[in-house]
PDB file of N, CA and C in Angstrom:
ATOM      1  N   UNK A   1       0.811  -1.178   0.000  1.00  0.00           N
ATOM      2  CA  UNK A   1       0.000   0.000   0.000  1.00  0.00           C
ATOM      3  C   UNK A   1       0.864   1.254   0.000  1.00  0.00           C
ATOM      4  N   UNK A   2       1.907   1.248   0.819  1.00  0.00           N
ATOM      5  CA  UNK A   2       2.799   2.388   0.911  1.00  0.00           C
ATOM      6  C   UNK A   2       3.533   2.603  -0.400  1.00  0.00           C
ATOM      7  N   UNK A   3       3.910   1.510  -1.078  1.00  0.00           N
ATOM      8  CA  UNK A   3       4.597   1.605  -2.356  1.00  0.00           C
ATOM      9  C   UNK A   3       3.661   2.219  -3.407  1.00  0.00           C
ATOM     10  N   UNK A   4       2.402   1.818  -3.403  1.00  0.00           N
ATOM     11  CA  UNK A   4       1.424   2.370  -4.345  1.00  0.00           C
ATOM     12  C   UNK A   4       1.290   3.878  -4.132  1.00  0.00           C
ATOM     13  N   UNK A   5       1.241   4.330  -2.896  1.00  0.00           N
ATOM     14  CA  UNK A   5       1.103   5.753  -2.596  1.00  0.00           C
ATOM     15  C   UNK A   5       2.308   6.526  -3.112  1.00  0.00           C
ATOM     16  N   UNK A   6       3.510   5.974  -2.951  1.00  0.00           N
ATOM     17  CA  UNK A   6       4.700   6.682  -3.425  1.00  0.00           C
ATOM     18  C   UNK A   6       4.736   6.733  -4.949  1.00  0.00           C
ATOM     19  N   UNK A   7       4.223   5.695  -5.617  1.00  0.00           N
ATOM     20  CA  UNK A   7       4.154   5.709  -7.084  1.00  0.00           C
ATOM     21  C   UNK A   7       3.164   6.782  -7.532  1.00  0.00           C
ATOM     22  N   UNK A   8       1.996   6.841  -6.883  1.00  0.00           N
ATOM     23  CA  UNK A   8       0.999   7.854  -7.231  1.00  0.00           C
ATOM     24  C   UNK A   8       1.567   9.261  -7.050  1.00  0.00           C
ATOM     25  N   UNK A   9       2.277   9.469  -5.974  1.00  0.00           N
ATOM     26  CA  UNK A   9       2.870  10.788  -5.714  1.00  0.00           C
ATOM     27  C   UNK A   9       3.931  11.137  -6.751  1.00  0.00           C
ATOM     28  N   UNK A  10       4.680  10.145  -7.197  1.00  0.00           N
ATOM     29  CA  UNK A  10       5.729  10.420  -8.177  1.00  0.00           C
ATOM     30  C   UNK A  10       5.142  10.725  -9.554  1.00  0.00           C
ATOM     31  N   UNK A  11       3.933  10.220  -9.839  1.00  0.00           N
ATOM     32  CA  UNK A  11       3.293  10.474 -11.129  1.00  0.00           C
ATOM     33  C   UNK A  11       2.503  11.778 -11.158  1.00  0.00           C
ATOM     34  N   UNK A  12       2.197  12.327 -10.020  1.00  0.00           N
ATOM     35  CA  UNK A  12       1.373  13.525  -9.958  1.00  0.00           C
ATOM     36  C   UNK A  12       1.959  14.689 -10.777  1.00  0.00           C
ATOM     37  N   UNK A  13       3.251  15.026 -10.651  1.00  0.00           N
ATOM     38  CA  UNK A  13       3.780  16.128 -11.474  1.00  0.00           C
ATOM     39  C   UNK A  13       3.680  15.825 -12.971  1.00  0.00           C
ATOM     40  N   UNK A  14       3.869  14.576 -13.349  1.00  0.00           N
ATOM     41  CA  UNK A  14       3.786  14.186 -14.751  1.00  0.00           C
ATOM     42  C   UNK A  14       2.362  14.367 -15.268  1.00  0.00           C
ATOM     43  N   UNK A  15       1.382  13.882 -14.503  1.00  0.00           N
ATOM     44  CA  UNK A  15      -0.003  14.004 -14.960  1.00  0.00           C
ATOM     45  C   UNK A  15      -0.429  15.465 -15.015  1.00  0.00           C
ATOM     46  N   UNK A  16       0.038  16.293 -14.095  1.00  0.00           N
ATOM     47  CA  UNK A  16      -0.281  17.714 -14.113  1.00  0.00           C
ATOM     48  C   UNK A  16       0.310  18.381 -15.349  1.00  0.00           C
ATOM     49  N   UNK A  17       1.523  18.015 -15.711  1.00  0.00           N
ATOM     50  CA  UNK A  17       2.142  18.630 -16.885  1.00  0.00           C
ATOM     51  C   UNK A  17       1.467  18.169 -18.168  1.00  0.00           C
ATOM     52  N   UNK A  18       1.019  16.913 -18.219  1.00  0.00           N
ATOM     53  CA  UNK A  18       0.309  16.414 -19.401  1.00  0.00           C
ATOM     54  C   UNK A  18      -1.019  17.147 -19.562  1.00  0.00           C
ATOM     55  N   UNK A  19      -1.738  17.335 -18.455  1.00  0.00           N
ATOM     56  CA  UNK A  19      -3.012  18.042 -18.509  1.00  0.00           C
ATOM     57  C   UNK A  19      -2.787  19.494 -18.922  1.00  0.00           C
ATOM     58  N   UNK A  20      -1.791  20.143 -18.357  1.00  0.00           N
ATOM     59  CA  UNK A  20      -1.493  21.534 -18.716  1.00  0.00           C
ATOM     60  C   UNK A  20      -1.151  21.655 -20.189  1.00  0.00           C
ATOM     61  N   UNK A  21      -0.388  20.713 -20.688  1.00  0.00           N
ATOM     62  CA  UNK A  21      -0.019  20.719 -22.102  1.00  0.00           C
ATOM     63  C   UNK A  21      -1.240  20.548 -22.997  1.00  0.00           C
ATOM     64  N   UNK A  22      -2.140  19.663 -22.620  1.00  0.00           N
ATOM     65  CA  UNK A  22      -3.359  19.436 -23.400  1.00  0.00           C
ATOM     66  C   UNK A  22      -4.232  20.689 -23.412  1.00  0.00           C
ATOM     67  N   UNK A  23      -4.332  21.369 -22.289  1.00  0.00           N
ATOM     68  CA  UNK A  23      -5.117  22.605 -22.215  1.00  0.00           C
ATOM     69  C   UNK A  23      -4.505  23.677 -23.105  1.00  0.00           C
ATOM     70  N   UNK A  24      -3.188  23.813 -23.067  1.00  0.00           N
ATOM     71  CA  UNK A  24      -2.511  24.807 -23.912  1.00  0.00           C
ATOM     72  C   UNK A  24      -2.731  24.505 -25.393  1.00  0.00           C
ATOM     73  N   UNK A  25      -2.667  23.239 -25.780  1.00  0.00           N
ATOM     74  CA  UNK A  25      -2.893  22.865 -27.179  1.00  0.00           C
ATOM     75  C   UNK A  25      -4.319  23.179 -27.592  1.00  0.00           C
ATOM     76  N   UNK A  26      -5.277  22.910 -26.723  1.00  0.00           N
ATOM     77  CA  UNK A  26      -6.684  23.191 -27.025  1.00  0.00           C
ATOM     78  C   UNK A  26      -6.896  24.693 -27.196  1.00  0.00           C
ATOM     79  N   UNK A  27      -6.300  25.502 -26.329  1.00  0.00           N
ATOM     80  CA  UNK A  27      -6.434  26.952 -26.436  1.00  0.00           C
ATOM     81  C   UNK A  27      -5.809  27.461 -27.731  1.00  0.00           C
ATOM     82  N   UNK A  28      -4.669  26.894 -28.120  1.00  0.00           N
ATOM     83  CA  UNK A  28      -4.016  27.287 -29.364  1.00  0.00           C
ATOM     84  C   UNK A  28      -4.882  26.938 -30.567  1.00  0.00           C
ATOM     85  N   UNK A  29      -5.524  25.770 -30.538  1.00  0.00           N
ATOM     86  CA  UNK A  29      -6.402  25.372 -31.633  1.00  0.00           C
ATOM     87  C   UNK A  29      -7.613  26.293 -31.729  1.00  0.00           C
ATOM     88  N   UNK A  30      -8.166  26.695 -30.586  1.00  0.00           N
ATOM     89  CA  UNK A  30      -9.317  27.606 -30.589  1.00  0.00           C
ATOM     90  C   UNK A  30      -8.917  28.963 -31.164  1.00  0.00           C
ATOM     91  N   UNK A  31      -7.728  29.465 -30.807  1.00  0.00           N
ATOM     92  CA  UNK A  31      -7.257  30.732 -31.353  1.00  0.00           C
ATOM     93  C   UNK A  31      -7.057  30.627 -32.859  1.00  0.00           C
ATOM     94  N   UNK A  32      -6.517  29.518 -33.324  1.00  0.00           N
ATOM     95  CA  UNK A  32      -6.316  29.318 -34.764  1.00  0.00           C
ATOM     96  C   UNK A  32      -7.660  29.293 -35.485  1.00  0.00           C
ATOM     97  N   UNK A  33      -8.662  28.634 -34.899  1.00  0.00           N
ATOM     98  CA  UNK A  33      -9.994  28.599 -35.509  1.00  0.00           C
ATOM     99  C   UNK A  33     -10.571  29.993 -35.620  1.00  0.00           C
ATOM    100  N   UNK A  34     -10.424  30.796 -34.569  1.00  0.00           N
ATOM    101  CA  UNK A  34     -10.974  32.148 -34.605  1.00  0.00           C
ATOM    102  C   UNK A  34     -10.285  32.994 -35.663  1.00  0.00           C
ATOM    103  N   UNK A  35      -8.979  32.828 -35.853  1.00  0.00           N
ATOM    104  CA  UNK A  35      -8.295  33.607 -36.878  1.00  0.00           C
ATOM    105  C   UNK A  35      -8.732  33.167 -38.266  1.00  0.00           C
ATOM    106  N   UNK A  36      -9.034  31.869 -38.453  1.00  0.00           N
ATOM    107  CA  UNK A  36      -9.523  31.381 -39.740  1.00  0.00           C
ATOM    108  C   UNK A  36     -10.912  31.927 -40.028  1.00  0.00           C
ATOM    109  N   UNK A  37     -11.747  32.021 -38.992  1.00  0.00           N
ATOM    110  CA  UNK A  37     -13.086  32.573 -39.164  1.00  0.00           C
ATOM    111  C   UNK A  37     -12.974  34.019 -39.623  1.00  0.00           C
ATOM    112  N   UNK A  38     -12.015  34.743 -39.085  1.00  0.00           N
ATOM    113  CA  UNK A  38     -11.856  36.144 -39.441  1.00  0.00           C
ATOM    114  C   UNK A  38     -11.434  36.323 -40.896  1.00  0.00           C
ATOM    115  N   UNK A  39     -10.845  35.299 -41.515  1.00  0.00           N
ATOM    116  CA  UNK A  39     -10.373  35.440 -42.883  1.00  0.00           C
ATOM    117  C   UNK A  39     -11.440  35.130 -43.925  1.00  0.00           C
ATOM    118  N   UNK A  40     -12.619  34.685 -43.515  1.00  0.00           N
ATOM    119  CA  UNK A  40     -13.710  34.432 -44.454  1.00  0.00           C
ATOM    120  C   UNK A  40     -14.192  35.790 -44.958  1.00  0.00           C
ATOM    121  N   UNK A  41     -14.206  35.966 -46.276  1.00  0.00           N
ATOM    122  CA  UNK A  41     -14.556  37.261 -46.858  1.00  0.00           C
ATOM    123  C   UNK A  41     -16.050  37.558 -46.749  1.00  0.00           C
ATOM    124  N   UNK A  42     -16.403  38.805 -46.979  1.00  0.00           N
ATOM    125  CA  UNK A  42     -17.803  39.219 -46.935  1.00  0.00           C
ATOM    126  C   UNK A  42     -18.615  38.458 -47.985  1.00  0.00           C
ATOM    127  N   UNK A  43     -18.055  38.264 -49.165  1.00  0.00           N
ATOM    128  CA  UNK A  43     -18.784  37.560 -50.235  1.00  0.00           C
ATOM    129  C   UNK A  43     -18.965  36.088 -49.873  1.00  0.00           C
ATOM    130  N   UNK A  44     -17.950  35.471 -49.262  1.00  0.00           N
ATOM    131  CA  UNK A  44     -18.073  34.090 -48.808  1.00  0.00           C
ATOM    132  C   UNK A  44     -19.163  33.986 -47.740  1.00  0.00           C
ATOM    133  N   UNK A  45     -19.271  35.006 -46.884  1.00  0.00           N
ATOM    134  CA  UNK A  45     -20.331  35.034 -45.871  1.00  0.00           C
ATOM    135  C   UNK A  45     -21.696  35.158 -46.533  1.00  0.00           C
ATOM    136  N   UNK A  46     -21.791  35.987 -47.587  1.00  0.00           N
ATOM    137  CA  UNK A  46     -23.054  36.111 -48.317  1.00  0.00           C
ATOM    138  C   UNK A  46     -23.490  34.747 -48.836  1.00  0.00           C
ATOM    139  N   UNK A  47     -22.552  34.028 -49.417  1.00  0.00           N
ATOM    140  CA  UNK A  47     -22.844  32.694 -49.950  1.00  0.00           C
ATOM    141  C   UNK A  47     -23.251  31.759 -48.818  1.00  0.00           C
ATOM    142  N   UNK A  48     -22.554  31.825 -47.686  1.00  0.00           N
ATOM    143  CA  UNK A  48     -22.894  30.987 -46.528  1.00  0.00           C
ATOM    144  C   UNK A  48     -24.315  31.260 -46.038  1.00  0.00           C
ATOM    145  N   UNK A  49     -24.701  32.532 -45.978  1.00  0.00           N
ATOM    146  CA  UNK A  49     -26.062  32.884 -45.542  1.00  0.00           C
ATOM    147  C   UNK A  49     -27.096  32.215 -46.440  1.00  0.00           C
ATOM    148  N   UNK A  50     -26.880  32.311 -47.746  1.00  0.00           N
ATOM    149  CA  UNK A  50     -27.837  31.729 -48.688  1.00  0.00           C
ATOM    150  C   UNK A  50     -27.821  30.204 -48.635  1.00  0.00           C
ATOM    151  N   UNK A  51     -26.638  29.618 -48.452  1.00  0.00           N
ATOM    152  CA  UNK A  51     -26.553  28.161 -48.295  1.00  0.00           C
ATOM    153  C   UNK A  51     -27.342  27.718 -47.067  1.00  0.00           C
ATOM    154  N   UNK A  52     -27.163  28.447 -45.971  1.00  0.00           N
ATOM    155  CA  UNK A  52     -27.845  28.098 -44.722  1.00  0.00           C
ATOM    156  C   UNK A  52     -29.357  28.219 -44.869  1.00  0.00           C
ATOM    157  N   UNK A  53     -29.793  29.103 -45.760  1.00  0.00           N
ATOM    158  CA  UNK A  53     -31.233  29.252 -46.019  1.00  0.00           C
ATOM    159  C   UNK A  53     -31.756  28.177 -46.960  1.00  0.00           C
ATOM    160  N   UNK A  54     -30.868  27.306 -47.454  1.00  0.00           N
ATOM    161  CA  UNK A  54     -31.282  26.178 -48.264  1.00  0.00           C
ATOM    162  C   UNK A  54     -31.243  26.377 -49.764  1.00  0.00           C
ATOM    163  N   UNK A  55     -30.595  27.449 -50.212  1.00  0.00           N
ATOM    164  CA  UNK A  55     -30.518  27.712 -51.651  1.00  0.00           C
ATOM    165  C   UNK A  55     -29.462  26.840 -52.322  1.00  0.00           C
ATOM    166  N   UNK A  56     -29.721  26.491 -53.575  1.00  0.00           N
ATOM    167  CA  UNK A  56     -28.744  25.724 -54.365  1.00  0.00           C
ATOM    168  C   UNK A  56     -27.674  26.681 -54.892  1.00  0.00           C
ATOM    169  N   UNK A  57     -26.629  26.101 -55.444  1.00  0.00           N
ATOM    170  CA  UNK A  57     -25.566  26.912 -56.035  1.00  0.00           C
ATOM    171  C   UNK A  57     -26.078  27.829 -57.134  1.00  0.00           C
ATOM    172  N   UNK A  58     -26.963  27.310 -57.992  1.00  0.00           N
ATOM    173  CA  UNK A  58     -27.519  28.118 -59.083  1.00  0.00           C
ATOM    174  C   UNK A  58     -28.397  29.240 -58.544  1.00  0.00           C
ATOM    175  N   UNK A  59     -29.175  28.944 -57.522  1.00  0.00           N
ATOM    176  CA  UNK A  59     -30.028  29.972 -56.918  1.00  0.00           C
ATOM    177  C   UNK A  59     -29.186  31.068 -56.269  1.00  0.00           C
ATOM    178  N   UNK A  60     -28.101  30.675 -55.621  1.00  0.00           N
ATOM    179  CA  UNK A  60     -27.195  31.650 -55.004  1.00  0.00           C
ATOM    180  C   UNK A  60     -26.570  32.523 -56.080  1.00  0.00           C
ATOM    181  N   UNK A  61     -26.143  31.902 -57.174  1.00  0.00           N
ATOM    182  CA  UNK A  61     -25.538  32.649 -58.275  1.00  0.00           C
ATOM    183  C   UNK A  61     -26.513  33.694 -58.811  1.00  0.00           C
ATOM    184  N   UNK A  62     -27.762  33.300 -59.035  1.00  0.00           N
ATOM    185  CA  UNK A  62     -28.771  34.243 -59.535  1.00  0.00           C
ATOM    186  C   UNK A  62     -29.004  35.377 -58.541  1.00  0.00           C
ATOM    187  N   UNK A  63     -29.103  35.035 -57.266  1.00  0.00           N
ATOM    188  CA  UNK A  63     -29.379  36.037 -56.233  1.00  0.00           C
ATOM    189  C   UNK A  63     -28.247  37.057 -56.111  1.00  0.00           C
ATOM    190  N   UNK A  64     -27.022  36.600 -56.289  1.00  0.00           N
ATOM    191  CA  UNK A  64     -25.861  37.489 -56.135  1.00  0.00           C
ATOM    192  C   UNK A  64     -25.374  38.066 -57.458  1.00  0.00           C
ATOM    193  N   UNK A  65     -25.935  37.596 -58.564  1.00  0.00           N
ATOM    194  CA  UNK A  65     -25.532  38.103 -59.870  1.00  0.00           C
ATOM    195  C   UNK A  65     -24.134  37.678 -60.270  1.00  0.00           C
ATOM    196  N   UNK A  66     -23.761  36.454 -59.912  1.00  0.00           N
ATOM    197  CA  UNK A  66     -22.438  35.922 -60.260  1.00  0.00           C
ATOM    198  C   UNK A  66     -22.615  34.559 -60.925  1.00  0.00           C
ATOM    199  N   UNK A  67     -21.548  34.045 -61.493  1.00  0.00           N
ATOM    200  CA  UNK A  67     -21.592  32.748 -62.168  1.00  0.00           C
ATOM    201  C   UNK A  67     -21.652  31.608 -61.142  1.00  0.00           C
ATOM    202  N   UNK A  68     -22.325  30.509 -61.482  1.00  0.00           N
ATOM    203  CA  UNK A  68     -22.378  29.356 -60.575  1.00  0.00           C
ATOM    204  C   UNK A  68     -20.998  28.830 -60.183  1.00  0.00           C
ATOM    205  N   UNK A  69     -20.048  28.875 -61.118  1.00  0.00           N
ATOM    206  CA  UNK A  69     -18.705  28.391 -60.770  1.00  0.00           C
ATOM    207  C   UNK A  69     -18.032  29.315 -59.751  1.00  0.00           C
ATOM    208  N   UNK A  70     -18.400  30.600 -59.762  1.00  0.00           N
ATOM    209  CA  UNK A  70     -17.863  31.523 -58.756  1.00  0.00           C
ATOM    210  C   UNK A  70     -18.444  31.194 -57.386  1.00  0.00           C
ATOM    211  N   UNK A  71     -19.708  30.837 -57.350  1.00  0.00           N
ATOM    212  CA  UNK A  71     -20.329  30.410 -56.094  1.00  0.00           C
ATOM    213  C   UNK A  71     -19.594  29.191 -55.551  1.00  0.00           C
ATOM    214  N   UNK A  72     -19.339  28.218 -56.415  1.00  0.00           N
ATOM    215  CA  UNK A  72     -18.618  27.009 -55.999  1.00  0.00           C
ATOM    216  C   UNK A  72     -17.230  27.356 -55.468  1.00  0.00           C
ATOM    217  N   UNK A  73     -16.569  28.316 -56.099  1.00  0.00           N
ATOM    218  CA  UNK A  73     -15.236  28.739 -55.655  1.00  0.00           C
ATOM    219  C   UNK A  73     -15.320  29.380 -54.275  1.00  0.00           C
ATOM    220  N   UNK A  74     -16.330  30.228 -54.040  1.00  0.00           N
ATOM    221  CA  UNK A  74     -16.502  30.842 -52.716  1.00  0.00           C
ATOM    222  C   UNK A  74     -16.752  29.776 -51.653  1.00  0.00           C
ATOM    223  N   UNK A  75     -17.580  28.804 -51.992  1.00  0.00           N
ATOM    224  CA  UNK A  75     -17.866  27.722 -51.042  1.00  0.00           C
ATOM    225  C   UNK A  75     -16.591  26.942 -50.731  1.00  0.00           C
ATOM    226  N   UNK A  76     -15.850  26.610 -51.756  1.00  0.00           N
ATOM    227  CA  UNK A  76     -14.606  25.848 -51.565  1.00  0.00           C
ATOM    228  C   UNK A  76     -13.586  26.650 -50.754  1.00  0.00           C
ATOM    229  N   UNK A  77     -13.463  27.937 -51.046  1.00  0.00           N
ATOM    230  CA  UNK A  77     -12.528  28.779 -50.282  1.00  0.00           C
ATOM    231  C   UNK A  77     -12.913  28.828 -48.804  1.00  0.00           C
ATOM    232  N   UNK A  78     -14.199  29.036 -48.535  1.00  0.00           N
ATOM    233  CA  UNK A  78     -14.663  29.074 -47.143  1.00  0.00           C
ATOM    234  C   UNK A  78     -14.457  27.722 -46.471  1.00  0.00           C
ATOM    235  N   UNK A  79     -14.706  26.646 -47.209  1.00  0.00           N
ATOM    236  CA  UNK A  79     -14.527  25.300 -46.658  1.00  0.00           C
ATOM    237  C   UNK A  79     -13.068  25.045 -46.295  1.00  0.00           C
ATOM    238  N   UNK A  80     -12.163  25.474 -47.167  1.00  0.00           N
ATOM    239  CA  UNK A  80     -10.738  25.277 -46.896  1.00  0.00           C
ATOM    240  C   UNK A  80     -10.273  26.131 -45.721  1.00  0.00           C
ATOM    241  N   UNK A  81     -10.748  27.364 -45.649  1.00  0.00           N
ATOM    242  CA  UNK A  81     -10.354  28.254 -44.556  1.00  0.00           C
ATOM    243  C   UNK A  81     -10.836  27.741 -43.207  1.00  0.00           C
ATOM    244  N   UNK A  82     -11.998  27.125 -43.199  1.00  0.00           N
ATOM    245  CA  UNK A  82     -12.566  26.634 -41.941  1.00  0.00           C
ATOM    246  C   UNK A  82     -12.227  25.176 -41.669  1.00  0.00           C
ATOM    247  N   UNK A  83     -11.547  24.555 -42.625  1.00  0.00           N
ATOM    248  CA  UNK A  83     -11.144  23.148 -42.495  1.00  0.00           C
ATOM    249  C   UNK A  83     -12.334  22.224 -42.258  1.00  0.00           C
ATOM    250  N   UNK A  84     -13.405  22.483 -43.002  1.00  0.00           N
ATOM    251  CA  UNK A  84     -14.591  21.642 -42.896  1.00  0.00           C
ATOM    252  C   UNK A  84     -14.603  20.632 -44.031  1.00  0.00           C
ATOM    253  N   UNK A  85     -15.336  19.539 -43.833  1.00  0.00           N
ATOM    254  CA  UNK A  85     -15.289  18.413 -44.771  1.00  0.00           C
ATOM    255  C   UNK A  85     -16.201  18.566 -45.977  1.00  0.00           C
ATOM    256  N   UNK A  86     -17.351  19.201 -45.787  1.00  0.00           N
ATOM    257  CA  UNK A  86     -18.327  19.313 -46.868  1.00  0.00           C
ATOM    258  C   UNK A  86     -19.245  20.493 -46.583  1.00  0.00           C
ATOM    259  N   UNK A  87     -20.246  20.689 -47.443  1.00  0.00           N
ATOM    260  CA  UNK A  87     -21.148  21.842 -47.294  1.00  0.00           C
ATOM    261  C   UNK A  87     -21.915  21.814 -45.984  1.00  0.00           C
ATOM    262  N   UNK A  88     -22.419  20.655 -45.617  1.00  0.00           N
ATOM    263  CA  UNK A  88     -23.186  20.542 -44.365  1.00  0.00           C
ATOM    264  C   UNK A  88     -22.320  20.895 -43.170  1.00  0.00           C
ATOM    265  N   UNK A  89     -21.120  20.375 -43.163  1.00  0.00           N
ATOM    266  CA  UNK A  89     -20.195  20.661 -42.081  1.00  0.00           C
ATOM    267  C   UNK A  89     -19.842  22.151 -42.069  1.00  0.00           C
ATOM    268  N   UNK A  90     -19.676  22.738 -43.249  1.00  0.00           N
ATOM    269  CA  UNK A  90     -19.368  24.168 -43.365  1.00  0.00           C
ATOM    270  C   UNK A  90     -20.491  25.012 -42.768  1.00  0.00           C
ATOM    271  N   UNK A  91     -21.738  24.707 -43.094  1.00  0.00           N
ATOM    272  CA  UNK A  91     -22.870  25.482 -42.569  1.00  0.00           C
ATOM    273  C   UNK A  91     -22.975  25.307 -41.055  1.00  0.00           C
ATOM    274  N   UNK A  92     -22.788  24.089 -40.567  1.00  0.00           N
ATOM    275  CA  UNK A  92     -22.832  23.849 -39.118  1.00  0.00           C
ATOM    276  C   UNK A  92     -21.723  24.621 -38.416  1.00  0.00           C
ATOM    277  N   UNK A  93     -20.523  24.600 -38.994  1.00  0.00           N
ATOM    278  CA  UNK A  93     -19.387  25.336 -38.436  1.00  0.00           C
ATOM    279  C   UNK A  93     -19.679  26.831 -38.430  1.00  0.00           C
ATOM    280  N   UNK A  94     -20.220  27.333 -39.535  1.00  0.00           N
ATOM    281  CA  UNK A  94     -20.525  28.762 -39.646  1.00  0.00           C
ATOM    282  C   UNK A  94     -21.547  29.179 -38.593  1.00  0.00           C
ATOM    283  N   UNK A  95     -22.560  28.365 -38.385  1.00  0.00           N
ATOM    284  CA  UNK A  95     -23.577  28.671 -37.378  1.00  0.00           C
ATOM    285  C   UNK A  95     -22.972  28.670 -35.980  1.00  0.00           C
ATOM    286  N   UNK A  96     -22.140  27.693 -35.700  1.00  0.00           N
ATOM    287  CA  UNK A  96     -21.521  27.540 -34.381  1.00  0.00           C
ATOM    288  C   UNK A  96     -20.530  28.658 -34.075  1.00  0.00           C
ATOM    289  N   UNK A  97     -19.892  29.202 -35.111  1.00  0.00           N
ATOM    290  CA  UNK A  97     -18.840  30.200 -34.897  1.00  0.00           C
ATOM    291  C   UNK A  97     -19.255  31.627 -35.251  1.00  0.00           C
ATOM    292  N   UNK A  98     -20.541  31.852 -35.389  1.00  0.00           N
ATOM    293  CA  UNK A  98     -21.030  33.210 -35.589  1.00  0.00           C
ATOM    294  C   UNK A  98     -20.897  33.776 -36.989  1.00  0.00           C
ATOM    295  N   UNK A  99     -20.583  32.941 -37.962  1.00  0.00           N
ATOM    296  CA  UNK A  99     -20.431  33.433 -39.322  1.00  0.00           C
ATOM    297  C   UNK A  99     -21.771  33.743 -39.979  1.00  0.00           C
ATOM    298  N   UNK A 100     -22.850  33.259 -39.424  1.00  0.00           N
ATOM    299  CA  UNK A 100     -24.159  33.491 -40.018  1.00  0.00           C
ATOM    300  C   UNK A 100     -24.891  34.671 -39.386  1.00  0.00           C
ATOM    301  N   UNK A 101     -24.251  35.323 -38.434  1.00  0.00           N
ATOM    302  CA  UNK A 101     -24.840  36.515 -37.846  1.00  0.00           C
ATOM    303  C   UNK A 101     -24.739  37.642 -38.870  1.00  0.00           C
ATOM    304  N   UNK A 102     -25.792  38.407 -38.998  1.00  0.00           N
ATOM    305  CA  UNK A 102     -25.840  39.457 -40.038  1.00  0.00           C
ATOM    306  C   UNK A 102     -24.793  40.539 -39.824  1.00  0.00           C
ATOM    307  N   UNK A 103     -24.380  40.791 -38.607  1.00  0.00           N
ATOM    308  CA  UNK A 103     -23.380  41.834 -38.366  1.00  0.00           C
ATOM    309  C   UNK A 103     -21.966  41.284 -38.254  1.00  0.00           C
ATOM    310  N   UNK A 104     -21.775  39.991 -38.581  1.00  0.00           N
ATOM    311  CA  UNK A 104     -20.451  39.361 -38.472  1.00  0.00           C
ATOM    312  C   UNK A 104     -19.520  39.847 -39.565  1.00  0.00           C
TER     313      UNK A 104
END
């Protein structure tokens, strides 16, 4: 029993440093995400708003007066900046991170 207690005590500084390191990494990742959100352009946000409202690429193009391939490029750029996997993930990410707020 005494040996177990001394082992636990010897591991305590190690476990504290591992936890501290994990917290620092998580905070760094959150800061990186926020900086990526800030780089989404106003036009990419316009496209995101319309996507979130359920419009197709062609409908978005008509609404914004741009070519459908330009809409696809805006979607792809926003997806790459936010590191999302697909359109659904992009819209969910945008909603979660305030990109769909009108004053964002």
